[in-house]
Amino acid sequence: VQRLDAILTETIPIHGRGNFPTLEMQPRQIVKVVRTRMEEKQIHVRDVRLNGSAASHILHEYSGLGYKDLDLIFCADLKGESEFQTVKDIVLDCLLDFFPDCVNK
């Protein structure tokens, strides 16, 4: 649990493409905001899971592999294409909200 907490509270870069800046944030922040906004849109999130190399790192810290990215899975029942699009919009809007104040949005 301590390794999971360390990963979720560590400030990490989310690298932008093109004109988008690199964001410095804690994974816990994005999980909280995305989950809250999904619930506001009546999309129930059953749970949020960490997957991939970061999850393996938590289970066995000294495997020597480490991790380079975080794969977060929001488990929700999406009834159709419109709800899927809503989730994409929520995630992108959340990232925009984390832009530094000096960036025009």
Protein backbone atom coordinates (compact mmCIF):
# COMPACT_ATOMS: atom_id res chain seq x y z
CA VAL A 1 0.00 0.00 0.00
CA GLN A 2 2.88 2.37 0.75
CA ARG A 3 4.38 1.86 -2.72
CA LEU A 4 0.98 2.54 -4.32
CA ASP A 5 0.61 5.72 -2.26
CA ALA A 6 4.13 6.81 -3.23
CA ILE A 7 3.37 6.39 -6.94
CA LEU A 8 0.01 8.19 -6.73
CA THR A 9 1.43 11.15 -4.77
CA GLU A 10 4.66 11.52 -6.73
CA THR A 11 4.67 14.51 -9.08
CA ILE A 12 5.12 13.23 -12.62
CA PRO A 13 5.36 14.94 -16.01
CA ILE A 14 2.62 14.48 -18.58
CA HIS A 15 4.36 15.43 -21.79
CA GLY A 16 2.38 17.54 -24.23
CA ARG A 17 2.57 17.38 -27.99
CA GLY A 18 2.80 20.27 -30.40
CA ASN A 19 1.92 23.51 -28.61
CA PHE A 20 0.72 21.76 -25.47
CA PRO A 21 2.98 22.20 -22.42
CA THR A 22 4.28 19.45 -20.18
CA LEU A 23 2.10 19.21 -17.07
CA GLU A 24 3.55 18.43 -13.65
CA MET A 25 0.97 16.72 -11.46
CA GLN A 26 0.21 13.87 -9.11
CA PRO A 27 -1.68 10.90 -10.57
CA ARG A 28 -4.01 11.09 -7.57
CA GLN A 29 -5.16 14.54 -8.74
CA ILE A 30 -6.19 13.41 -12.21
CA VAL A 31 -7.94 10.30 -10.85
CA LYS A 32 -9.96 12.39 -8.40
CA VAL A 33 -11.00 15.03 -10.93
CA VAL A 34 -11.84 12.60 -13.76
CA ARG A 35 -13.82 10.32 -11.46
CA THR A 36 -15.78 13.24 -9.97
CA ARG A 37 -16.67 14.63 -13.40
CA MET A 38 -17.71 11.22 -14.69
CA GLU A 39 -20.06 10.84 -11.72
CA GLU A 40 -21.44 14.35 -12.39
CA LYS A 41 -22.34 13.17 -15.90
CA GLN A 42 -24.11 10.12 -14.42
CA ILE A 43 -21.34 7.73 -15.51
CA HIS A 44 -20.76 5.44 -12.53
CA VAL A 45 -17.11 4.46 -11.98
CA ARG A 46 -16.92 1.04 -10.30
CA ASP A 47 -13.23 1.34 -9.58
CA VAL A 48 -9.96 2.74 -10.86
CA ARG A 49 -7.10 0.34 -11.51
CA LEU A 50 -3.40 0.72 -12.05
CA ASN A 51 -2.12 -1.59 -14.78
CA GLY A 52 1.12 -2.42 -16.54
CA SER A 53 4.68 -1.94 -15.36
CA ALA A 54 3.76 0.49 -12.56
CA ALA A 55 1.39 -2.11 -11.08
CA SER A 56 4.12 -4.74 -11.35
CA HIS A 57 6.55 -2.35 -9.65
CA ILE A 58 4.14 -1.96 -6.73
CA LEU A 59 3.80 -5.71 -6.31
CA HIS A 60 7.53 -6.38 -6.58
CA GLU A 61 9.58 -3.20 -6.14
CA TYR A 62 12.95 -4.87 -6.59
CA SER A 63 12.26 -6.68 -9.86
CA GLY A 64 14.79 -4.39 -11.53
CA LEU A 65 12.34 -3.37 -14.24
CA GLY A 66 10.94 -0.18 -12.74
CA TYR A 67 8.29 1.65 -14.75
CA LYS A 68 8.17 4.42 -17.34
CA ASP A 69 4.45 5.18 -17.51
CA LEU A 70 1.20 4.84 -15.58
CA ASP A 71 -1.72 2.98 -17.07
CA LEU A 72 -4.92 4.00 -15.27
CA ILE A 73 -8.13 2.14 -16.05
CA PHE A 74 -11.47 3.68 -15.07
CA CYS A 75 -13.95 0.79 -14.93
CA ALA A 76 -17.38 2.04 -15.97
CA ASP A 77 -20.37 0.79 -17.92
CA LEU A 78 -20.56 2.84 -21.10
CA LYS A 79 -23.84 2.27 -22.86
CA GLY A 80 -22.81 3.62 -26.22
CA GLU A 81 -20.62 5.82 -28.37
CA SER A 82 -22.00 9.05 -26.86
CA GLU A 83 -20.91 8.06 -23.34
CA PHE A 84 -17.49 7.05 -24.66
CA GLN A 85 -17.17 10.49 -26.28
CA THR A 86 -18.27 12.12 -23.01
CA VAL A 87 -15.47 10.33 -21.14
CA LYS A 88 -12.91 11.44 -23.74
CA ASP A 89 -14.15 15.03 -23.42
CA ILE A 90 -13.97 14.84 -19.61
CA VAL A 91 -10.36 13.62 -19.66
CA LEU A 92 -9.24 16.28 -22.14
CA ASP A 93 -11.08 19.04 -20.23
CA CYS A 94 -9.42 17.90 -17.00
CA LEU A 95 -5.99 18.09 -18.61
CA LEU A 96 -6.78 21.61 -19.85
CA ASP A 97 -7.74 22.59 -16.30
CA PHE A 98 -4.28 21.53 -15.12
CA PHE A 99 -2.52 23.84 -17.58
CA PRO A 100 -0.43 26.54 -15.92
CA ASP A 101 -2.18 29.90 -15.53
CA CYS A 102 0.21 31.51 -18.01
CA VAL A 103 -1.08 29.29 -20.87
CA ASN A 104 -4.00 30.44 -23.02
CA LYS A 105 -6.62 27.71 -23.04
